[in-house]
Amino acid sequence: MDHDGNWKGLHFQARRFFADLAVAALREEGVTRVSLLNDTPQAQSVRWRLRVMDLQGRLLGTQEQALVLAPGSATEVGHFSDARLLGAADPARTIAVVDMLQGDRELSRPVVGFVEARAQALQSGQLQASLEGEGDARDVVLQAQGLVRAAWIDFGANEVVLEDNLLDLLPGERRV
């Protein structure tokens, strides 16, 4: 937290990676290893989905599976080589997205790049933001045209409490 008690970016990210149900998508030497984490004391029925897409949202491949996660477990669901995921696609213009879902509810969604973040071919001007509603309880609405990495919403000296921040938005995604 900062000196005024506001959450910093790491606080929002820590909430994600310390969640009771989460995806760990780790890259090492041209391989993405995907594990599903269940830190609850109960078995959990989930569905995971791997999508490979370009930075404008064109789907290049997908894989999906339902399974039951044992309590207090890490379940590895795959090792995926870059050659398998990318095919002929440009690594700087392609991402993998791994979702963990329960019904229609998204529990976890890491976005995996195939190159270092500074080498991704991200384009500026891909994010539009607006406020909806009246009075003190307004919604911040974000709309992404292309991939947006680590969007930070800042209201300067105004006292604003956000439900979430430091967001990756997929092409075409709308977040409130």
N, C-alpha and C. Protein backbone atom coordinates (compact mmCIF):
# COMPACT_ATOMS: atom_id res chain seq x y z
N MET A 1 0.84 -1.19 0.00
CA MET A 1 0.00 0.00 0.00
C MET A 1 0.88 1.23 0.00
N ASP A 2 0.33 2.30 -0.57
CA ASP A 2 1.08 3.54 -0.54
C ASP A 2 0.87 4.24 0.81
N HIS A 3 1.48 5.41 0.97
CA HIS A 3 1.41 6.11 2.26
C HIS A 3 0.00 6.57 2.62
N ASP A 4 -0.92 6.62 1.63
CA ASP A 4 -2.30 6.99 1.91
C ASP A 4 -3.21 5.78 2.13
N GLY A 5 -2.62 4.57 2.09
CA GLY A 5 -3.41 3.36 2.29
C GLY A 5 -4.05 2.80 1.03
N ASN A 6 -3.70 3.35 -0.13
CA ASN A 6 -4.25 2.85 -1.40
C ASN A 6 -3.46 1.63 -1.88
N TRP A 7 -4.17 0.71 -2.51
CA TRP A 7 -3.51 -0.47 -3.05
C TRP A 7 -2.60 -0.08 -4.20
N LYS A 8 -1.42 -0.69 -4.23
CA LYS A 8 -0.52 -0.58 -5.38
C LYS A 8 -0.83 -1.73 -6.33
N GLY A 9 -0.22 -1.70 -7.49
CA GLY A 9 -0.47 -2.72 -8.50
C GLY A 9 -0.20 -4.14 -8.02
N LEU A 10 0.86 -4.34 -7.27
CA LEU A 10 1.19 -5.68 -6.80
C LEU A 10 0.09 -6.25 -5.90
N HIS A 11 -0.61 -5.39 -5.17
CA HIS A 11 -1.69 -5.85 -4.30
C HIS A 11 -2.79 -6.52 -5.13
N PHE A 12 -3.16 -5.90 -6.26
CA PHE A 12 -4.18 -6.49 -7.13
C PHE A 12 -3.68 -7.79 -7.74
N GLN A 13 -2.41 -7.81 -8.17
CA GLN A 13 -1.86 -9.02 -8.75
C GLN A 13 -1.73 -10.13 -7.70
N ALA A 14 -1.32 -9.79 -6.49
CA ALA A 14 -1.19 -10.80 -5.43
C ALA A 14 -2.54 -11.44 -5.12
N ARG A 15 -3.61 -10.66 -5.15
CA ARG A 15 -4.94 -11.22 -4.93
C ARG A 15 -5.24 -12.27 -5.99
N ARG A 16 -4.78 -12.03 -7.21
CA ARG A 16 -4.99 -13.01 -8.29
C ARG A 16 -4.14 -14.26 -8.09
N PHE A 17 -2.82 -14.08 -7.85
CA PHE A 17 -1.99 -15.27 -7.80
C PHE A 17 -2.06 -16.00 -6.47
N PHE A 18 -2.66 -15.42 -5.44
CA PHE A 18 -2.90 -16.14 -4.19
C PHE A 18 -4.36 -16.58 -4.05
N ALA A 19 -5.15 -16.49 -5.11
CA ALA A 19 -6.55 -16.92 -5.08
C ALA A 19 -6.62 -18.41 -4.77
N ASP A 20 -7.71 -18.83 -4.13
CA ASP A 20 -7.88 -20.24 -3.79
C ASP A 20 -7.95 -21.13 -5.03
N LEU A 21 -8.49 -20.62 -6.11
CA LEU A 21 -8.56 -21.35 -7.38
C LEU A 21 -7.88 -20.50 -8.44
N ALA A 22 -6.81 -21.01 -9.04
CA ALA A 22 -6.03 -20.20 -9.98
C ALA A 22 -5.34 -21.08 -11.01
N VAL A 23 -4.94 -20.42 -12.09
CA VAL A 23 -4.14 -21.06 -13.13
C VAL A 23 -2.71 -20.57 -12.97
N ALA A 24 -1.76 -21.51 -13.04
CA ALA A 24 -0.35 -21.16 -13.12
C ALA A 24 0.10 -21.54 -14.53
N ALA A 25 0.44 -20.55 -15.33
CA ALA A 25 0.92 -20.77 -16.70
C ALA A 25 2.35 -20.27 -16.74
N LEU A 26 3.29 -21.18 -16.70
CA LEU A 26 4.71 -20.83 -16.58
C LEU A 26 5.44 -21.16 -17.86
N ARG A 27 6.27 -20.21 -18.31
CA ARG A 27 7.04 -20.41 -19.54
C ARG A 27 8.49 -20.66 -19.20
N GLU A 28 9.06 -21.64 -19.93
CA GLU A 28 10.47 -21.94 -19.75
C GLU A 28 10.99 -22.61 -21.01
N GLU A 29 12.00 -22.00 -21.62
CA GLU A 29 12.68 -22.56 -22.78
C GLU A 29 11.73 -23.02 -23.88
N GLY A 30 10.81 -22.14 -24.28
CA GLY A 30 9.92 -22.43 -25.39
C GLY A 30 8.77 -23.37 -25.08
N VAL A 31 8.48 -23.57 -23.80
CA VAL A 31 7.37 -24.44 -23.39
C VAL A 31 6.52 -23.70 -22.37
N THR A 32 5.21 -23.79 -22.51
CA THR A 32 4.28 -23.24 -21.53
C THR A 32 3.69 -24.41 -20.76
N ARG A 33 3.93 -24.43 -19.46
CA ARG A 33 3.42 -25.49 -18.58
C ARG A 33 2.22 -24.93 -17.82
N VAL A 34 1.08 -25.62 -17.91
CA VAL A 34 -0.16 -25.13 -17.30
C VAL A 34 -0.58 -26.06 -16.18
N SER A 35 -0.80 -25.48 -14.99
CA SER A 35 -1.30 -26.22 -13.84
C SER A 35 -2.50 -25.47 -13.26
N LEU A 36 -3.44 -26.22 -12.72
CA LEU A 36 -4.61 -25.65 -12.06
C LEU A 36 -4.46 -25.87 -10.56
N LEU A 37 -4.65 -24.80 -9.79
CA LEU A 37 -4.43 -24.83 -8.35
C LEU A 37 -5.75 -24.78 -7.61
N ASN A 38 -5.90 -25.66 -6.64
CA ASN A 38 -7.08 -25.66 -5.76
C ASN A 38 -6.58 -25.64 -4.33
N ASP A 39 -6.61 -24.49 -3.70
CA ASP A 39 -6.18 -24.35 -2.32
C ASP A 39 -7.35 -24.40 -1.35
N THR A 40 -8.50 -24.90 -1.80
CA THR A 40 -9.66 -25.05 -0.91
C THR A 40 -9.66 -26.45 -0.31
N PRO A 41 -10.40 -26.67 0.78
CA PRO A 41 -10.48 -28.01 1.38
C PRO A 41 -11.50 -28.93 0.70
N GLN A 42 -12.14 -28.46 -0.39
CA GLN A 42 -13.13 -29.27 -1.11
C GLN A 42 -12.67 -29.51 -2.54
N ALA A 43 -13.13 -30.62 -3.10
CA ALA A 43 -12.93 -30.87 -4.52
C ALA A 43 -13.70 -29.80 -5.30
N GLN A 44 -13.18 -29.39 -6.44
CA GLN A 44 -13.79 -28.32 -7.23
C GLN A 44 -13.94 -28.78 -8.68
N SER A 45 -15.16 -28.69 -9.19
CA SER A 45 -15.40 -28.98 -10.61
C SER A 45 -15.14 -27.70 -11.39
N VAL A 46 -14.22 -27.77 -12.34
CA VAL A 46 -13.85 -26.61 -13.14
C VAL A 46 -13.71 -27.02 -14.60
N ARG A 47 -13.58 -26.02 -15.42
CA ARG A 47 -13.27 -26.20 -16.83
C ARG A 47 -12.10 -25.28 -17.14
N TRP A 48 -11.13 -25.79 -17.86
CA TRP A 48 -10.04 -24.91 -18.29
C TRP A 48 -10.05 -24.85 -19.81
N ARG A 49 -9.61 -23.70 -20.28
CA ARG A 49 -9.61 -23.45 -21.73
C ARG A 49 -8.33 -22.73 -22.09
N LEU A 50 -7.68 -23.22 -23.11
CA LEU A 50 -6.49 -22.58 -23.65
C LEU A 50 -6.84 -22.01 -25.01
N ARG A 51 -6.64 -20.70 -25.17
CA ARG A 51 -6.89 -20.04 -26.46
C ARG A 51 -5.60 -19.38 -26.92
N VAL A 52 -5.29 -19.56 -28.19
CA VAL A 52 -4.17 -18.86 -28.80
C VAL A 52 -4.78 -17.87 -29.78
N MET A 53 -4.37 -16.61 -29.67
CA MET A 53 -4.95 -15.57 -30.53
C MET A 53 -3.91 -14.52 -30.88
N ASP A 54 -4.19 -13.79 -31.96
CA ASP A 54 -3.32 -12.67 -32.29
C ASP A 54 -3.75 -11.45 -31.46
N LEU A 55 -3.00 -10.39 -31.53
CA LEU A 55 -3.24 -9.22 -30.68
C LEU A 55 -4.51 -8.46 -31.02
N GLN A 56 -5.14 -8.79 -32.14
CA GLN A 56 -6.42 -8.17 -32.51
C GLN A 56 -7.59 -9.10 -32.21
N GLY A 57 -7.32 -10.29 -31.65
CA GLY A 57 -8.38 -11.19 -31.21
C GLY A 57 -8.73 -12.32 -32.15
N ARG A 58 -8.03 -12.45 -33.27
CA ARG A 58 -8.31 -13.56 -34.19
C ARG A 58 -7.84 -14.87 -33.54
N LEU A 59 -8.77 -15.80 -33.35
CA LEU A 59 -8.49 -17.08 -32.69
C LEU A 59 -7.69 -17.98 -33.62
N LEU A 60 -6.55 -18.46 -33.14
CA LEU A 60 -5.67 -19.32 -33.92
C LEU A 60 -5.76 -20.78 -33.49
N GLY A 61 -6.25 -21.01 -32.29
CA GLY A 61 -6.39 -22.39 -31.79
C GLY A 61 -7.02 -22.38 -30.41
N THR A 62 -7.63 -23.49 -30.05
CA THR A 62 -8.27 -23.60 -28.74
C THR A 62 -8.28 -25.05 -28.27
N GLN A 63 -8.29 -25.20 -26.98
CA GLN A 63 -8.39 -26.52 -26.34
C GLN A 63 -9.15 -26.31 -25.04
N GLU A 64 -9.99 -27.28 -24.67
CA GLU A 64 -10.83 -27.12 -23.48
C GLU A 64 -11.05 -28.48 -22.83
N GLN A 65 -11.16 -28.48 -21.50
CA GLN A 65 -11.39 -29.73 -20.77
C GLN A 65 -12.04 -29.43 -19.43
N ALA A 66 -12.98 -30.28 -19.04
CA ALA A 66 -13.58 -30.21 -17.70
C ALA A 66 -12.93 -31.26 -16.82
N LEU A 67 -12.74 -30.92 -15.54
CA LEU A 67 -12.18 -31.89 -14.61
C LEU A 67 -12.51 -31.49 -13.19
N VAL A 68 -12.27 -32.41 -12.28
CA VAL A 68 -12.47 -32.16 -10.85
C VAL A 68 -11.09 -32.06 -10.21
N LEU A 69 -10.85 -30.95 -9.52
CA LEU A 69 -9.58 -30.73 -8.84
C LEU A 69 -9.68 -31.23 -7.41
N ALA A 70 -8.73 -32.04 -7.01
CA ALA A 70 -8.68 -32.54 -5.64
C ALA A 70 -8.43 -31.38 -4.68
N PRO A 71 -8.89 -31.51 -3.44
CA PRO A 71 -8.64 -30.45 -2.45
C PRO A 71 -7.13 -30.24 -2.25
N GLY A 72 -6.73 -29.01 -2.06
CA GLY A 72 -5.33 -28.70 -1.77
C GLY A 72 -4.36 -29.26 -2.81
N SER A 73 -4.66 -29.07 -4.08
CA SER A 73 -3.85 -29.71 -5.12
C SER A 73 -3.38 -28.74 -6.19
N ALA A 74 -2.35 -29.18 -6.89
CA ALA A 74 -1.89 -28.54 -8.12
C ALA A 74 -1.95 -29.63 -9.18
N THR A 75 -2.78 -29.43 -10.18
CA THR A 75 -2.99 -30.44 -11.22
C THR A 75 -2.42 -29.92 -12.54
N GLU A 76 -1.37 -30.57 -13.00
CA GLU A 76 -0.78 -30.17 -14.27
C GLU A 76 -1.66 -30.70 -15.40
N VAL A 77 -2.05 -29.79 -16.31
CA VAL A 77 -2.93 -30.17 -17.41
C VAL A 77 -2.23 -30.16 -18.76
N GLY A 78 -0.99 -29.71 -18.81
CA GLY A 78 -0.30 -29.79 -20.09
C GLY A 78 1.01 -29.04 -20.15
N HIS A 79 1.87 -29.54 -21.04
CA HIS A 79 3.10 -28.87 -21.48
C HIS A 79 2.87 -28.57 -22.96
N PHE A 80 2.96 -27.31 -23.35
CA PHE A 80 2.67 -26.91 -24.72
C PHE A 80 3.88 -26.21 -25.31
N SER A 81 4.46 -26.80 -26.34
CA SER A 81 5.62 -26.18 -26.98
C SER A 81 5.16 -24.98 -27.80
N ASP A 82 6.07 -24.03 -27.97
CA ASP A 82 5.77 -22.87 -28.81
C ASP A 82 5.41 -23.32 -30.22
N ALA A 83 6.11 -24.31 -30.74
CA ALA A 83 5.82 -24.79 -32.10
C ALA A 83 4.38 -25.28 -32.20
N ARG A 84 3.91 -25.97 -31.17
CA ARG A 84 2.53 -26.48 -31.17
C ARG A 84 1.52 -25.33 -31.06
N LEU A 85 1.79 -24.38 -30.19
CA LEU A 85 0.84 -23.29 -29.96
C LEU A 85 0.86 -22.25 -31.08
N LEU A 86 2.04 -21.91 -31.56
CA LEU A 86 2.17 -20.83 -32.52
C LEU A 86 1.98 -21.26 -33.97
N GLY A 87 2.42 -22.44 -34.30
CA GLY A 87 2.42 -22.81 -35.71
C GLY A 87 3.29 -21.82 -36.45
N ALA A 88 2.75 -21.15 -37.46
CA ALA A 88 3.50 -20.17 -38.25
C ALA A 88 3.27 -18.73 -37.76
N ALA A 89 2.53 -18.54 -36.68
CA ALA A 89 2.20 -17.20 -36.19
C ALA A 89 3.44 -16.49 -35.64
N ASP A 90 3.43 -15.17 -35.72
CA ASP A 90 4.51 -14.32 -35.21
C ASP A 90 4.44 -14.29 -33.68
N PRO A 91 5.49 -14.74 -32.99
CA PRO A 91 5.47 -14.74 -31.52
C PRO A 91 5.25 -13.36 -30.90
N ALA A 92 5.69 -12.29 -31.57
CA ALA A 92 5.53 -10.94 -31.04
C ALA A 92 4.10 -10.43 -31.18
N ARG A 93 3.29 -11.11 -31.99
CA ARG A 93 1.91 -10.67 -32.26
C ARG A 93 0.89 -11.72 -31.82
N THR A 94 1.31 -12.63 -30.94
CA THR A 94 0.45 -13.75 -30.54
C THR A 94 0.53 -13.94 -29.03
N ILE A 95 -0.59 -14.33 -28.44
CA ILE A 95 -0.66 -14.63 -27.01
C ILE A 95 -1.41 -15.94 -26.80
N ALA A 96 -1.23 -16.51 -25.62
CA ALA A 96 -2.04 -17.64 -25.17
C ALA A 96 -2.79 -17.15 -23.93
N VAL A 97 -4.05 -17.52 -23.84
CA VAL A 97 -4.89 -17.16 -22.70
C VAL A 97 -5.40 -18.46 -22.10
N VAL A 98 -5.18 -18.63 -20.79
CA VAL A 98 -5.64 -19.84 -20.12
C VAL A 98 -6.69 -19.42 -19.09
N ASP A 99 -7.93 -19.88 -19.31
CA ASP A 99 -9.03 -19.56 -18.41
C ASP A 99 -9.33 -20.75 -17.51
N MET A 100 -9.66 -20.48 -16.26
CA MET A 100 -10.28 -21.48 -15.38
C MET A 100 -11.68 -20.96 -15.08
N LEU A 101 -12.67 -21.80 -15.35
CA LEU A 101 -14.07 -21.40 -15.23
C LEU A 101 -14.84 -22.38 -14.35
N GLN A 102 -15.84 -21.86 -13.63
CA GLN A 102 -16.85 -22.66 -12.95
C GLN A 102 -18.17 -22.15 -13.47
N GLY A 103 -18.83 -22.98 -14.27
CA GLY A 103 -20.01 -22.51 -14.97
C GLY A 103 -19.60 -21.39 -15.89
N ASP A 104 -20.26 -20.24 -15.81
CA ASP A 104 -19.91 -19.08 -16.63
C ASP A 104 -18.96 -18.13 -15.91
N ARG A 105 -18.62 -18.44 -14.68
CA ARG A 105 -17.79 -17.54 -13.87
C ARG A 105 -16.30 -17.79 -14.11
N GLU A 106 -15.60 -16.73 -14.48
CA GLU A 106 -14.16 -16.81 -14.68
C GLU A 106 -13.47 -16.72 -13.32
N LEU A 107 -12.66 -17.73 -13.02
CA LEU A 107 -11.94 -17.76 -11.75
C LEU A 107 -10.52 -17.21 -11.88
N SER A 108 -9.91 -17.47 -13.01
CA SER A 108 -8.52 -17.09 -13.22
C SER A 108 -8.27 -17.02 -14.72
N ARG A 109 -7.38 -16.07 -15.13
CA ARG A 109 -7.12 -15.94 -16.56
C ARG A 109 -5.76 -15.28 -16.81
N PRO A 110 -4.69 -16.04 -16.73
CA PRO A 110 -3.41 -15.44 -17.12
C PRO A 110 -3.30 -15.31 -18.63
N VAL A 111 -2.62 -14.26 -19.05
CA VAL A 111 -2.31 -14.01 -20.45
C VAL A 111 -0.81 -14.26 -20.60
N VAL A 112 -0.46 -15.15 -21.52
CA VAL A 112 0.93 -15.57 -21.70
C VAL A 112 1.45 -15.03 -23.01
N GLY A 113 2.56 -14.31 -22.95
CA GLY A 113 3.23 -13.83 -24.15
C GLY A 113 4.33 -14.80 -24.55
N PHE A 114 4.66 -14.82 -25.83
CA PHE A 114 5.71 -15.71 -26.33
C PHE A 114 7.04 -15.00 -26.46
N VAL A 115 7.04 -13.69 -26.22
CA VAL A 115 8.27 -12.90 -26.20
C VAL A 115 8.21 -12.04 -24.94
N GLU A 116 9.33 -11.42 -24.59
CA GLU A 116 9.33 -10.51 -23.45
C GLU A 116 8.32 -9.39 -23.70
N ALA A 117 7.76 -8.87 -22.63
CA ALA A 117 6.71 -7.84 -22.75
C ALA A 117 7.15 -6.67 -23.62
N ARG A 118 8.38 -6.22 -23.49
CA ARG A 118 8.85 -5.07 -24.27
C ARG A 118 8.96 -5.37 -25.76
N ALA A 119 8.98 -6.67 -26.13
CA ALA A 119 9.09 -7.07 -27.54
C ALA A 119 7.74 -7.37 -28.18
N GLN A 120 6.65 -7.33 -27.38
CA GLN A 120 5.32 -7.55 -27.96
C GLN A 120 4.97 -6.38 -28.87
N ALA A 121 4.30 -6.68 -29.95
CA ALA A 121 3.93 -5.67 -30.94
C ALA A 121 2.61 -4.99 -30.56
N LEU A 122 2.54 -4.49 -29.33
CA LEU A 122 1.33 -3.83 -28.87
C LEU A 122 1.15 -2.50 -29.58
N GLN A 123 -0.10 -2.14 -29.82
CA GLN A 123 -0.40 -0.87 -30.47
C GLN A 123 -1.01 0.08 -29.45
N SER A 124 -0.70 1.36 -29.58
CA SER A 124 -1.31 2.35 -28.70
C SER A 124 -2.74 2.62 -29.15
N GLY A 125 -3.50 3.25 -28.27
CA GLY A 125 -4.87 3.64 -28.61
C GLY A 125 -5.86 2.50 -28.65
N GLN A 126 -5.57 1.40 -27.98
CA GLN A 126 -6.44 0.23 -28.01
C GLN A 126 -7.47 0.22 -26.88
N LEU A 127 -7.43 1.21 -25.99
CA LEU A 127 -8.30 1.22 -24.81
C LEU A 127 -9.13 2.50 -24.77
N GLN A 128 -10.43 2.33 -24.58
CA GLN A 128 -11.32 3.45 -24.34
C GLN A 128 -11.90 3.28 -22.94
N ALA A 129 -12.05 4.39 -22.23
CA ALA A 129 -12.58 4.36 -20.87
C ALA A 129 -13.68 5.39 -20.74
N SER A 130 -14.69 5.05 -19.93
CA SER A 130 -15.78 5.99 -19.66
C SER A 130 -16.33 5.72 -18.27
N LEU A 131 -17.08 6.70 -17.76
CA LEU A 131 -17.77 6.56 -16.47
C LEU A 131 -19.26 6.45 -16.75
N GLU A 132 -19.92 5.54 -16.05
CA GLU A 132 -21.36 5.39 -16.17
C GLU A 132 -21.98 5.50 -14.79
N GLY A 133 -23.19 6.02 -14.73
CA GLY A 133 -23.89 6.14 -13.46
C GLY A 133 -23.85 7.55 -12.94
N GLU A 134 -24.45 7.72 -11.78
CA GLU A 134 -24.58 9.04 -11.16
C GLU A 134 -24.06 8.98 -9.73
N GLY A 135 -23.70 10.12 -9.19
CA GLY A 135 -23.32 10.24 -7.79
C GLY A 135 -21.98 9.61 -7.48
N ASP A 136 -21.86 9.12 -6.22
CA ASP A 136 -20.59 8.59 -5.73
C ASP A 136 -20.27 7.19 -6.24
N ALA A 137 -21.28 6.41 -6.58
CA ALA A 137 -21.05 5.02 -7.01
C ALA A 137 -21.16 4.95 -8.53
N ARG A 138 -20.06 5.18 -9.19
CA ARG A 138 -20.04 5.14 -10.65
C ARG A 138 -19.24 3.92 -11.10
N ASP A 139 -19.53 3.47 -12.30
CA ASP A 139 -18.80 2.37 -12.90
C ASP A 139 -17.78 2.92 -13.88
N VAL A 140 -16.58 2.39 -13.82
CA VAL A 140 -15.57 2.67 -14.83
C VAL A 140 -15.72 1.57 -15.88
N VAL A 141 -15.93 1.96 -17.12
CA VAL A 141 -16.12 1.00 -18.20
C VAL A 141 -14.92 1.08 -19.13
N LEU A 142 -14.26 -0.06 -19.32
CA LEU A 142 -13.11 -0.15 -20.21
C LEU A 142 -13.48 -1.02 -21.40
N GLN A 143 -13.09 -0.59 -22.57
CA GLN A 143 -13.34 -1.34 -23.81
C GLN A 143 -12.02 -1.42 -24.57
N ALA A 144 -11.58 -2.66 -24.87
CA ALA A 144 -10.32 -2.87 -25.58
C ALA A 144 -10.58 -3.23 -27.04
N GLN A 145 -9.92 -2.53 -27.93
CA GLN A 145 -10.00 -2.86 -29.36
C GLN A 145 -9.02 -3.99 -29.69
N GLY A 146 -7.82 -3.91 -29.13
CA GLY A 146 -6.78 -4.93 -29.28
C GLY A 146 -6.28 -5.27 -27.90
N LEU A 147 -5.27 -6.11 -27.80
CA LEU A 147 -4.74 -6.50 -26.50
C LEU A 147 -4.21 -5.29 -25.74
N VAL A 148 -4.59 -5.19 -24.47
CA VAL A 148 -4.10 -4.15 -23.57
C VAL A 148 -3.49 -4.87 -22.37
N ARG A 149 -2.23 -4.61 -22.11
CA ARG A 149 -1.53 -5.25 -20.99
C ARG A 149 -1.38 -4.26 -19.84
N ALA A 150 -1.68 -4.73 -18.64
CA ALA A 150 -1.41 -4.00 -17.40
C ALA A 150 -1.98 -2.58 -17.38
N ALA A 151 -3.26 -2.44 -17.76
CA ALA A 151 -3.92 -1.14 -17.71
C ALA A 151 -4.09 -0.72 -16.25
N TRP A 152 -3.65 0.48 -15.94
CA TRP A 152 -3.74 1.01 -14.58
C TRP A 152 -4.71 2.20 -14.59
N ILE A 153 -5.73 2.13 -13.76
CA ILE A 153 -6.72 3.20 -13.65
C ILE A 153 -6.31 4.08 -12.49
N ASP A 154 -6.15 5.38 -12.75
CA ASP A 154 -5.67 6.30 -11.72
C ASP A 154 -6.55 7.54 -11.72
N PHE A 155 -6.97 7.94 -10.55
CA PHE A 155 -7.80 9.13 -10.40
C PHE A 155 -7.05 10.25 -9.70
N GLY A 156 -5.73 10.19 -9.71
CA GLY A 156 -4.92 11.24 -9.10
C GLY A 156 -5.20 11.36 -7.61
N ALA A 157 -5.41 12.59 -7.14
CA ALA A 157 -5.62 12.84 -5.72
C ALA A 157 -7.05 12.54 -5.27
N ASN A 158 -7.95 12.20 -6.19
CA ASN A 158 -9.33 11.89 -5.81
C ASN A 158 -9.38 10.55 -5.08
N GLU A 159 -10.22 10.50 -4.04
CA GLU A 159 -10.37 9.25 -3.28
C GLU A 159 -11.35 8.34 -4.01
N VAL A 160 -10.79 7.34 -4.69
CA VAL A 160 -11.59 6.39 -5.46
C VAL A 160 -11.17 4.99 -5.06
N VAL A 161 -12.14 4.13 -4.76
CA VAL A 161 -11.86 2.73 -4.44
C VAL A 161 -12.30 1.89 -5.63
N LEU A 162 -11.35 1.15 -6.18
CA LEU A 162 -11.63 0.30 -7.33
C LEU A 162 -11.69 -1.16 -6.90
N GLU A 163 -12.62 -1.89 -7.50
CA GLU A 163 -12.75 -3.32 -7.24
C GLU A 163 -11.56 -4.10 -7.80
N ASP A 164 -11.02 -3.64 -8.94
CA ASP A 164 -9.90 -4.31 -9.57
C ASP A 164 -9.09 -3.27 -10.34
N ASN A 165 -7.82 -3.57 -10.57
CA ASN A 165 -6.95 -2.66 -11.29
C ASN A 165 -5.76 -3.45 -11.81
N LEU A 166 -4.92 -2.81 -12.57
CA LEU A 166 -3.77 -3.43 -13.23
C LEU A 166 -4.25 -4.63 -14.05
N LEU A 167 -5.02 -4.32 -15.09
CA LEU A 167 -5.77 -5.31 -15.85
C LEU A 167 -5.18 -5.60 -17.22
N ASP A 168 -5.23 -6.86 -17.62
CA ASP A 168 -5.00 -7.25 -19.00
C ASP A 168 -6.38 -7.39 -19.62
N LEU A 169 -6.60 -6.71 -20.74
CA LEU A 169 -7.87 -6.82 -21.45
C LEU A 169 -7.61 -7.44 -22.82
N LEU A 170 -8.45 -8.42 -23.15
CA LEU A 170 -8.33 -9.08 -24.44
C LEU A 170 -9.01 -8.26 -25.53
N PRO A 171 -8.61 -8.47 -26.77
CA PRO A 171 -9.27 -7.73 -27.87
C PRO A 171 -10.78 -7.92 -27.84
N GLY A 172 -11.51 -6.80 -27.91
CA GLY A 172 -12.96 -6.84 -27.89
C GLY A 172 -13.58 -6.94 -26.51
N GLU A 173 -12.76 -7.05 -25.48
CA GLU A 173 -13.30 -7.23 -24.12
C GLU A 173 -13.79 -5.92 -23.54
N ARG A 174 -14.89 -6.01 -22.80
CA ARG A 174 -15.47 -4.89 -22.07
C ARG A 174 -15.47 -5.27 -20.60
N ARG A 175 -14.87 -4.42 -19.76
CA ARG A 175 -14.82 -4.66 -18.32
C ARG A 175 -15.46 -3.49 -17.60
N VAL A 176 -16.27 -3.78 -16.59
CA VAL A 176 -16.90 -2.77 -15.76
C VAL A 176 -16.33 -2.88 -14.36
